[in-house]
Amino acid sequence: MFVDSHCHLNYKGLVEQESEVLERARAVGVGAMLNISTRESEWDAVIGLAEREKGVWASVGIHPHEADQHGDITSGKLIEKSRNPRVIGIGETGLDYYYDYSDREQQKACFRQHIVAARETALPIIVHTRDAEEDTATILSEEMEQGPYPGVIHCFTASADFARIALDLGLYISLSGIVTFKNAKDLQDIARTIPDDRLLIETDSPFLAPVPHRGKTCEPAFVSNTAQFLAQLKNVSVERLAETSTQNFFNLFNKANPNG
């Protein structure tokens, strides 16, 4: 059994063929998928799919690109929506200084509201960070001092130093199809060092299709290709990597029922 710990099933490219996408994922052994929200207007649709489909779970959150459009977001609003039994995570949230689509101070404020919600609900925070390692690490560390909370760095592409900080804080690290790319040697070196009990795998579909599907619309079925690549990289069987990463998912997102 594989788990796609981060996908966007409601995005263009997947939503038009929802049943076929889910069928293809299940056919290769993907037993659970975490459907991620990035703006408040998506929450009901993301949760609705999780309510209809066994093995599909939901998150509630605001992507850093959307922070300027959600100046009224509060931890209370996130907590209230997360009471739904199909919501198992808070996010995605974080900082993105590569595009700077939202004001950086607003991104930080929004990020901290999500962490408060994660701390109060004990639901994992799903962290996006791009070109913002220092500020992301500072906020994660400062907030951890205020009280512990669970979480994962999703679609990890940061430095080895940032990986160590995240692991020292007790967070998990999730790898996407980027790790299969030929130019991802630094990331592959980091992947070898991630402890087996802290590793998750994801597609971030419909983006970032792994080898051998590059150029195609990514979908949850492709998480099996990333798992196969990582198994070779870490010199373990794909069965072992699937088992451990699946167990890690349910250890972290412990509100989810492994039986669907």
C-alpha atoms as a PDB file:
ATOM      1  CA  MET A   1       0.000   0.000   0.000  1.00  0.00           C
ATOM      2  CA  PHE A   2       1.186   3.485  -0.930  1.00  0.00           C
ATOM      3  CA  VAL A   3      -0.045   6.800   0.455  1.00  0.00           C
ATOM      4  CA  ASP A   4      -0.043  10.053  -1.495  1.00  0.00           C
ATOM      5  CA  SER A   5       0.413  12.425   1.404  1.00  0.00           C
ATOM      6  CA  HIS A   6      -0.190  15.594  -0.642  1.00  0.00           C
ATOM      7  CA  CYS A   7      -2.289  16.057  -3.768  1.00  0.00           C
ATOM      8  CA  HIS A   8      -4.731  18.589  -5.213  1.00  0.00           C
ATOM      9  CA  LEU A   9      -7.550  16.510  -6.628  1.00  0.00           C
ATOM     10  CA  ASN A  10      -9.768  19.555  -7.143  1.00  0.00           C
ATOM     11  CA  TYR A  11      -7.274  21.271  -9.468  1.00  0.00           C
ATOM     12  CA  LYS A  12      -7.624  21.538 -13.222  1.00  0.00           C
ATOM     13  CA  GLY A  13      -6.228  18.462 -14.915  1.00  0.00           C
ATOM     14  CA  LEU A  14      -7.554  16.086 -12.258  1.00  0.00           C
ATOM     15  CA  VAL A  15     -10.996  17.324 -11.238  1.00  0.00           C
ATOM     16  CA  GLU A  16     -12.404  16.752 -14.741  1.00  0.00           C
ATOM     17  CA  GLN A  17     -11.623  13.031 -14.488  1.00  0.00           C
ATOM     18  CA  GLU A  18     -12.010  12.497 -10.775  1.00  0.00           C
ATOM     19  CA  SER A  19     -13.282   8.899 -10.817  1.00  0.00           C
ATOM     20  CA  GLU A  20     -10.676   7.765 -13.346  1.00  0.00           C
ATOM     21  CA  VAL A  21      -7.843   9.377 -11.365  1.00  0.00           C
ATOM     22  CA  LEU A  22      -8.960   7.633  -8.182  1.00  0.00           C
ATOM     23  CA  GLU A  23      -9.390   4.320 -10.009  1.00  0.00           C
ATOM     24  CA  ARG A  24      -5.867   4.485 -11.479  1.00  0.00           C
ATOM     25  CA  ALA A  25      -4.401   5.297  -8.070  1.00  0.00           C
ATOM     26  CA  ARG A  26      -6.159   2.417  -6.370  1.00  0.00           C
ATOM     27  CA  ALA A  27      -5.143   0.050  -9.181  1.00  0.00           C
ATOM     28  CA  VAL A  28      -1.440   0.511  -8.318  1.00  0.00           C
ATOM     29  CA  GLY A  29      -2.000   0.203  -4.573  1.00  0.00           C
ATOM     30  CA  VAL A  30      -2.515   3.790  -3.434  1.00  0.00           C
ATOM     31  CA  GLY A  31      -4.762   3.205  -0.436  1.00  0.00           C
ATOM     32  CA  ALA A  32      -4.914   6.743   0.945  1.00  0.00           C
ATOM     33  CA  MET A  33      -4.651  10.268  -0.444  1.00  0.00           C
ATOM     34  CA  LEU A  34      -4.567  13.582   1.399  1.00  0.00           C
ATOM     35  CA  ASN A  35      -6.376  16.190  -0.689  1.00  0.00           C
ATOM     36  CA  ILE A  36      -4.920  19.590   0.143  1.00  0.00           C
ATOM     37  CA  SER A  37      -6.688  22.946   0.157  1.00  0.00           C
ATOM     38  CA  THR A  38      -4.947  26.226  -0.612  1.00  0.00           C
ATOM     39  CA  ARG A  39      -7.726  28.829  -0.212  1.00  0.00           C
ATOM     40  CA  GLU A  40     -10.905  29.107   1.828  1.00  0.00           C
ATOM     41  CA  SER A  41     -13.153  28.867  -1.234  1.00  0.00           C
ATOM     42  CA  GLU A  42     -11.862  25.304  -1.798  1.00  0.00           C
ATOM     43  CA  TRP A  43     -12.557  23.958   1.665  1.00  0.00           C
ATOM     44  CA  ASP A  44     -16.060  22.658   1.111  1.00  0.00           C
ATOM     45  CA  ALA A  45     -15.189  20.949  -2.179  1.00  0.00           C
ATOM     46  CA  VAL A  46     -12.050  19.341  -0.764  1.00  0.00           C
ATOM     47  CA  ILE A  47     -13.929  18.088   2.292  1.00  0.00           C
ATOM     48  CA  GLY A  48     -16.859  16.983   0.152  1.00  0.00           C
ATOM     49  CA  LEU A  49     -14.671  14.679  -1.923  1.00  0.00           C
ATOM     50  CA  ALA A  50     -13.207  13.181   1.247  1.00  0.00           C
ATOM     51  CA  GLU A  51     -16.704  12.555   2.555  1.00  0.00           C
ATOM     52  CA  ARG A  52     -17.694  10.759  -0.653  1.00  0.00           C
ATOM     53  CA  GLU A  53     -14.587   8.673  -1.270  1.00  0.00           C
ATOM     54  CA  LYS A  54     -13.032   6.034   0.962  1.00  0.00           C
ATOM     55  CA  GLY A  55      -9.327   6.565   1.497  1.00  0.00           C
ATOM     56  CA  VAL A  56      -9.449  10.254   0.568  1.00  0.00           C
ATOM     57  CA  TRP A  57      -8.801  12.741   3.375  1.00  0.00           C
ATOM     58  CA  ALA A  58      -8.828  16.537   3.518  1.00  0.00           C
ATOM     59  CA  SER A  59      -6.889  19.487   4.881  1.00  0.00           C
ATOM     60  CA  VAL A  60      -7.930  23.088   5.495  1.00  0.00           C
ATOM     61  CA  GLY A  61      -5.474  25.883   4.920  1.00  0.00           C
ATOM     62  CA  ILE A  62      -4.292  28.959   3.047  1.00  0.00           C
ATOM     63  CA  HIS A  63      -1.281  28.751   0.714  1.00  0.00           C
ATOM     64  CA  PRO A  64       1.235  31.594   1.144  1.00  0.00           C
ATOM     65  CA  HIS A  65       0.394  32.779  -2.389  1.00  0.00           C
ATOM     66  CA  GLU A  66      -3.149  33.409  -1.128  1.00  0.00           C
ATOM     67  CA  ALA A  67      -2.246  35.157   2.138  1.00  0.00           C
ATOM     68  CA  ASP A  68      -3.069  38.667   0.889  1.00  0.00           C
ATOM     69  CA  GLN A  69      -6.553  37.512  -0.091  1.00  0.00           C
ATOM     70  CA  HIS A  70      -7.159  36.010   3.359  1.00  0.00           C
ATOM     71  CA  GLY A  71      -6.264  38.804   5.740  1.00  0.00           C
ATOM     72  CA  ASP A  72      -9.163  37.744   7.956  1.00  0.00           C
ATOM     73  CA  ILE A  73      -7.984  34.166   8.448  1.00  0.00           C
ATOM     74  CA  THR A  74      -7.713  33.171  12.083  1.00  0.00           C
ATOM     75  CA  SER A  75      -6.758  30.072  13.963  1.00  0.00           C
ATOM     76  CA  GLY A  76     -10.352  29.936  15.185  1.00  0.00           C
ATOM     77  CA  LYS A  77     -11.719  29.687  11.643  1.00  0.00           C
ATOM     78  CA  LEU A  78      -9.255  26.887  10.833  1.00  0.00           C
ATOM     79  CA  ILE A  79     -10.063  25.059  14.062  1.00  0.00           C
ATOM     80  CA  GLU A  80     -13.798  25.263  13.452  1.00  0.00           C
ATOM     81  CA  LYS A  81     -13.529  23.809   9.947  1.00  0.00           C
ATOM     82  CA  SER A  82     -11.093  21.124  11.064  1.00  0.00           C
ATOM     83  CA  ARG A  83     -13.726  19.596  13.348  1.00  0.00           C
ATOM     84  CA  ASN A  84     -15.060  17.703  10.343  1.00  0.00           C
ATOM     85  CA  PRO A  85     -14.067  14.031  10.805  1.00  0.00           C
ATOM     86  CA  ARG A  86     -12.522  13.902   7.306  1.00  0.00           C
ATOM     87  CA  VAL A  87     -10.158  16.832   7.966  1.00  0.00           C
ATOM     88  CA  ILE A  88      -6.841  15.475   9.218  1.00  0.00           C
ATOM     89  CA  GLY A  89      -4.364  18.323   8.620  1.00  0.00           C
ATOM     90  CA  ILE A  90      -3.879  22.103   8.699  1.00  0.00           C
ATOM     91  CA  GLY A  91      -2.490  23.643   5.510  1.00  0.00           C
ATOM     92  CA  GLU A  92      -0.880  23.936   3.237  1.00  0.00           C
ATOM     93  CA  THR A  93       0.658  27.078   4.631  1.00  0.00           C
ATOM     94  CA  GLY A  94       4.102  28.604   4.979  1.00  0.00           C
ATOM     95  CA  LEU A  95       6.293  31.094   3.160  1.00  0.00           C
ATOM     96  CA  ASP A  96       7.069  31.555  -0.533  1.00  0.00           C
ATOM     97  CA  TYR A  97       9.567  34.297  -1.378  1.00  0.00           C
ATOM     98  CA  TYR A  98      10.259  32.955  -4.880  1.00  0.00           C
ATOM     99  CA  TYR A  99       7.105  34.446  -6.372  1.00  0.00           C
ATOM    100  CA  ASP A 100       6.188  36.912  -3.601  1.00  0.00           C
ATOM    101  CA  TYR A 101       2.538  36.787  -4.670  1.00  0.00           C
ATOM    102  CA  SER A 102       1.620  37.943  -1.157  1.00  0.00           C
ATOM    103  CA  ASP A 103       3.225  40.428   1.212  1.00  0.00           C
ATOM    104  CA  ARG A 104       5.867  38.690   3.287  1.00  0.00           C
ATOM    105  CA  GLU A 105       4.617  39.994   6.608  1.00  0.00           C
ATOM    106  CA  GLN A 106       1.104  38.828   5.756  1.00  0.00           C
ATOM    107  CA  GLN A 107       2.513  35.417   4.813  1.00  0.00           C
ATOM    108  CA  LYS A 108       4.207  35.205   8.209  1.00  0.00           C
ATOM    109  CA  ALA A 109       1.077  36.226  10.106  1.00  0.00           C
ATOM    110  CA  CYS A 110      -1.041  33.711   8.204  1.00  0.00           C
ATOM    111  CA  PHE A 111       1.557  30.974   8.803  1.00  0.00           C
ATOM    112  CA  ARG A 112       1.532  31.609  12.547  1.00  0.00           C
ATOM    113  CA  GLN A 113      -2.281  31.387  12.679  1.00  0.00           C
ATOM    114  CA  HIS A 114      -2.044  27.937  11.111  1.00  0.00           C
ATOM    115  CA  ILE A 115       0.531  26.830  13.667  1.00  0.00           C
ATOM    116  CA  VAL A 116      -1.724  27.971  16.495  1.00  0.00           C
ATOM    117  CA  ALA A 117      -4.524  25.899  14.969  1.00  0.00           C
ATOM    118  CA  ALA A 118      -2.229  22.891  14.623  1.00  0.00           C
ATOM    119  CA  ARG A 119      -1.134  23.198  18.246  1.00  0.00           C
ATOM    120  CA  GLU A 120      -4.691  23.498  19.561  1.00  0.00           C
ATOM    121  CA  THR A 121      -6.140  20.676  17.453  1.00  0.00           C
ATOM    122  CA  ALA A 122      -3.046  18.413  17.462  1.00  0.00           C
ATOM    123  CA  LEU A 123      -3.533  18.102  13.694  1.00  0.00           C
ATOM    124  CA  PRO A 124      -0.295  18.245  11.680  1.00  0.00           C
ATOM    125  CA  ILE A 125       0.622  21.448   9.928  1.00  0.00           C
ATOM    126  CA  ILE A 126       1.537  21.026   6.249  1.00  0.00           C
ATOM    127  CA  VAL A 127       4.372  23.444   5.470  1.00  0.00           C
ATOM    128  CA  HIS A 128       5.300  24.950   2.103  1.00  0.00           C
ATOM    129  CA  THR A 129       8.609  26.809   1.952  1.00  0.00           C
ATOM    130  CA  ARG A 130      10.401  28.195  -1.079  1.00  0.00           C
ATOM    131  CA  ASP A 131      13.349  30.593  -0.996  1.00  0.00           C
ATOM    132  CA  ALA A 132      12.386  31.339   2.611  1.00  0.00           C
ATOM    133  CA  GLU A 133      14.357  28.849   4.672  1.00  0.00           C
ATOM    134  CA  GLU A 134      15.635  31.251   7.321  1.00  0.00           C
ATOM    135  CA  ASP A 135      12.284  32.826   8.116  1.00  0.00           C
ATOM    136  CA  THR A 136      10.483  29.477   7.947  1.00  0.00           C
ATOM    137  CA  ALA A 137      12.959  27.924  10.382  1.00  0.00           C
ATOM    138  CA  THR A 138      12.684  30.921  12.713  1.00  0.00           C
ATOM    139  CA  ILE A 139       8.885  30.785  12.829  1.00  0.00           C
ATOM    140  CA  LEU A 140       8.776  27.006  13.253  1.00  0.00           C
ATOM    141  CA  SER A 141      11.303  27.200  16.088  1.00  0.00           C
ATOM    142  CA  GLU A 142       9.736  30.178  17.849  1.00  0.00           C
ATOM    143  CA  GLU A 143       6.306  28.611  17.713  1.00  0.00           C
ATOM    144  CA  MET A 144       7.585  25.254  18.943  1.00  0.00           C
ATOM    145  CA  GLU A 145       8.891  27.058  22.024  1.00  0.00           C
ATOM    146  CA  GLN A 146       5.314  28.232  22.685  1.00  0.00           C
ATOM    147  CA  GLY A 147       4.114  24.629  22.731  1.00  0.00           C
ATOM    148  CA  PRO A 148       4.643  21.523  20.606  1.00  0.00           C
ATOM    149  CA  TYR A 149       2.745  20.779  17.426  1.00  0.00           C
ATOM    150  CA  PRO A 150       3.089  18.071  14.755  1.00  0.00           C
ATOM    151  CA  GLY A 151       3.887  18.759  11.122  1.00  0.00           C
ATOM    152  CA  VAL A 152       5.519  17.955   7.817  1.00  0.00           C
ATOM    153  CA  ILE A 153       7.653  19.894   5.351  1.00  0.00           C
ATOM    154  CA  HIS A 154       5.893  19.036   2.123  1.00  0.00           C
ATOM    155  CA  CYS A 155       7.565  18.727  -1.298  1.00  0.00           C
ATOM    156  CA  PHE A 156      10.962  19.146   0.331  1.00  0.00           C
ATOM    157  CA  THR A 157      13.536  20.933  -1.846  1.00  0.00           C
ATOM    158  CA  ALA A 158      15.423  22.883   0.825  1.00  0.00           C
ATOM    159  CA  SER A 159      18.965  22.521   2.162  1.00  0.00           C
ATOM    160  CA  ALA A 160      20.492  19.829   4.340  1.00  0.00           C
ATOM    161  CA  ASP A 161      20.717  22.381   7.160  1.00  0.00           C
ATOM    162  CA  PHE A 162      16.992  23.068   6.949  1.00  0.00           C
ATOM    163  CA  ALA A 163      16.286  19.329   6.915  1.00  0.00           C
ATOM    164  CA  ARG A 164      18.239  18.951  10.167  1.00  0.00           C
ATOM    165  CA  ILE A 165      16.316  21.828  11.765  1.00  0.00           C
ATOM    166  CA  ALA A 166      12.988  20.327  10.741  1.00  0.00           C
ATOM    167  CA  LEU A 167      13.935  16.877  12.012  1.00  0.00           C
ATOM    168  CA  ASP A 168      15.270  18.309  15.281  1.00  0.00           C
ATOM    169  CA  LEU A 169      11.880  19.993  15.774  1.00  0.00           C
ATOM    170  CA  GLY A 170      10.205  16.614  15.402  1.00  0.00           C
ATOM    171  CA  LEU A 171       8.745  17.303  11.978  1.00  0.00           C
ATOM    172  CA  TYR A 172       8.440  14.871   9.080  1.00  0.00           C
ATOM    173  CA  ILE A 173       9.804  15.402   5.568  1.00  0.00           C
ATOM    174  CA  SER A 174       7.819  14.560   2.440  1.00  0.00           C
ATOM    175  CA  LEU A 175       9.441  14.006  -0.949  1.00  0.00           C
ATOM    176  CA  SER A 176       7.738  14.518  -4.289  1.00  0.00           C
ATOM    177  CA  GLY A 177       8.615  13.481  -7.831  1.00  0.00           C
ATOM    178  CA  ILE A 178      11.294  16.189  -7.887  1.00  0.00           C
ATOM    179  CA  VAL A 179      13.644  13.711  -6.207  1.00  0.00           C
ATOM    180  CA  THR A 180      13.561  11.585  -9.387  1.00  0.00           C
ATOM    181  CA  PHE A 181      14.775  14.429 -11.627  1.00  0.00           C
ATOM    182  CA  LYS A 182      18.278  14.131 -13.101  1.00  0.00           C
ATOM    183  CA  ASN A 183      19.285  17.569 -11.807  1.00  0.00           C
ATOM    184  CA  ALA A 184      18.193  16.803  -8.223  1.00  0.00           C
ATOM    185  CA  LYS A 185      21.477  15.330  -6.991  1.00  0.00           C
ATOM    186  CA  ASP A 186      21.620  17.495  -3.862  1.00  0.00           C
ATOM    187  CA  LEU A 187      18.066  16.527  -2.945  1.00  0.00           C
ATOM    188  CA  GLN A 188      18.862  12.860  -3.562  1.00  0.00           C
ATOM    189  CA  ASP A 189      21.823  13.122  -1.174  1.00  0.00           C
ATOM    190  CA  ILE A 190      19.532  14.607   1.488  1.00  0.00           C
ATOM    191  CA  ALA A 191      16.899  11.939   0.846  1.00  0.00           C
ATOM    192  CA  ARG A 192      19.406   9.223   1.712  1.00  0.00           C
ATOM    193  CA  THR A 193      19.856  10.782   5.162  1.00  0.00           C
ATOM    194  CA  ILE A 194      16.184  11.192   6.108  1.00  0.00           C
ATOM    195  CA  PRO A 195      15.386   8.684   8.884  1.00  0.00           C
ATOM    196  CA  ASP A 196      13.057   5.941   7.741  1.00  0.00           C
ATOM    197  CA  ASP A 197      10.536   6.809  10.460  1.00  0.00           C
ATOM    198  CA  ARG A 198      10.230  10.474   9.328  1.00  0.00           C
ATOM    199  CA  LEU A 199       9.799  10.033   5.583  1.00  0.00           C
ATOM    200  CA  LEU A 200       6.596  10.604   3.631  1.00  0.00           C
ATOM    201  CA  ILE A 201       6.036  10.494  -0.124  1.00  0.00           C
ATOM    202  CA  GLU A 202       3.691  12.612  -2.217  1.00  0.00           C
ATOM    203  CA  THR A 203       2.869  13.702  -5.736  1.00  0.00           C
ATOM    204  CA  ASP A 204       1.760  17.328  -5.251  1.00  0.00           C
ATOM    205  CA  SER A 205      -0.358  16.452  -8.278  1.00  0.00           C
ATOM    206  CA  PRO A 206      -1.239  17.802 -10.752  1.00  0.00           C
ATOM    207  CA  PHE A 207       2.295  19.224 -10.604  1.00  0.00           C
ATOM    208  CA  LEU A 208       5.796  17.713 -10.691  1.00  0.00           C
ATOM    209  CA  ALA A 209       5.224  14.365 -12.379  1.00  0.00           C
ATOM    210  CA  PRO A 210       8.125  12.025 -11.566  1.00  0.00           C
ATOM    211  CA  VAL A 211      10.298  10.175 -14.043  1.00  0.00           C
ATOM    212  CA  PRO A 212       9.134   8.414 -16.251  1.00  0.00           C
ATOM    213  CA  HIS A 213       6.039  10.635 -16.509  1.00  0.00           C
ATOM    214  CA  ARG A 214       7.715  14.045 -16.813  1.00  0.00           C
ATOM    215  CA  GLY A 215       5.712  16.422 -18.943  1.00  0.00           C
ATOM    216  CA  LYS A 216       2.429  14.740 -18.109  1.00  0.00           C
ATOM    217  CA  THR A 217      -0.250  15.879 -15.679  1.00  0.00           C
ATOM    218  CA  CYS A 218       0.791  14.350 -12.373  1.00  0.00           C
ATOM    219  CA  GLU A 219      -1.707  12.193 -10.497  1.00  0.00           C
ATOM    220  CA  PRO A 220      -1.711  10.132  -7.269  1.00  0.00           C
ATOM    221  CA  ALA A 221      -0.934   6.851  -9.084  1.00  0.00           C
ATOM    222  CA  PHE A 222       2.523   8.248  -9.821  1.00  0.00           C
ATOM    223  CA  VAL A 223       3.462   8.175  -6.131  1.00  0.00           C
ATOM    224  CA  SER A 224       4.423   4.543  -6.785  1.00  0.00           C
ATOM    225  CA  ASN A 225       7.139   5.712  -9.197  1.00  0.00           C
ATOM    226  CA  THR A 226       8.609   8.061  -6.610  1.00  0.00           C
ATOM    227  CA  ALA A 227       8.511   5.239  -4.070  1.00  0.00           C
ATOM    228  CA  GLN A 228      10.358   2.914  -6.433  1.00  0.00           C
ATOM    229  CA  PHE A 229      13.039   5.537  -7.040  1.00  0.00           C
ATOM    230  CA  LEU A 230      13.468   6.251  -3.331  1.00  0.00           C
ATOM    231  CA  ALA A 231      13.681   2.554  -2.518  1.00  0.00           C
ATOM    232  CA  GLN A 232      16.614   2.198  -4.899  1.00  0.00           C
ATOM    233  CA  LEU A 233      18.184   5.390  -3.558  1.00  0.00           C
ATOM    234  CA  LYS A 234      17.955   4.162   0.040  1.00  0.00           C
ATOM    235  CA  ASN A 235      18.820   0.558  -0.867  1.00  0.00           C
ATOM    236  CA  VAL A 236      15.643  -0.995   0.491  1.00  0.00           C
ATOM    237  CA  SER A 237      12.840  -2.907  -1.169  1.00  0.00           C
ATOM    238  CA  VAL A 238       9.915  -0.922  -2.517  1.00  0.00           C
ATOM    239  CA  GLU A 239       7.675  -3.027  -0.283  1.00  0.00           C
ATOM    240  CA  ARG A 240       9.647  -1.921   2.762  1.00  0.00           C
ATOM    241  CA  LEU A 241       9.571   1.733   1.732  1.00  0.00           C
ATOM    242  CA  ALA A 242       5.838   1.553   1.047  1.00  0.00           C
ATOM    243  CA  GLU A 243       5.211  -0.045   4.430  1.00  0.00           C
ATOM    244  CA  THR A 244       7.273   2.435   6.424  1.00  0.00           C
ATOM    245  CA  SER A 245       6.059   5.559   4.622  1.00  0.00           C
ATOM    246  CA  THR A 246       2.448   4.405   4.983  1.00  0.00           C
ATOM    247  CA  GLN A 247       2.928   3.773   8.690  1.00  0.00           C
ATOM    248  CA  ASN A 248       4.574   7.183   9.036  1.00  0.00           C
ATOM    249  CA  PHE A 249       1.566   8.828   7.399  1.00  0.00           C
ATOM    250  CA  PHE A 250      -0.874   7.278   9.833  1.00  0.00           C
ATOM    251  CA  ASN A 251       1.447   7.976  12.777  1.00  0.00           C
ATOM    252  CA  LEU A 252       1.560  11.663  11.852  1.00  0.00           C
ATOM    253  CA  PHE A 253      -1.985  12.104  10.562  1.00  0.00           C
ATOM    254  CA  ASN A 254      -3.374   9.994  13.369  1.00  0.00           C
ATOM    255  CA  LYS A 255      -6.921  11.285  12.990  1.00  0.00           C
ATOM    256  CA  ALA A 256      -7.147   9.269   9.776  1.00  0.00           C
ATOM    257  CA  ASN A 257      -8.433   5.705   9.958  1.00  0.00           C
ATOM    258  CA  PRO A 258      -6.214   3.297   7.976  1.00  0.00           C
ATOM    259  CA  ASN A 259      -9.375   1.472   6.952  1.00  0.00           C
ATOM    260  CA  GLY A 260     -10.676   4.546   5.198  1.00  0.00           C
END
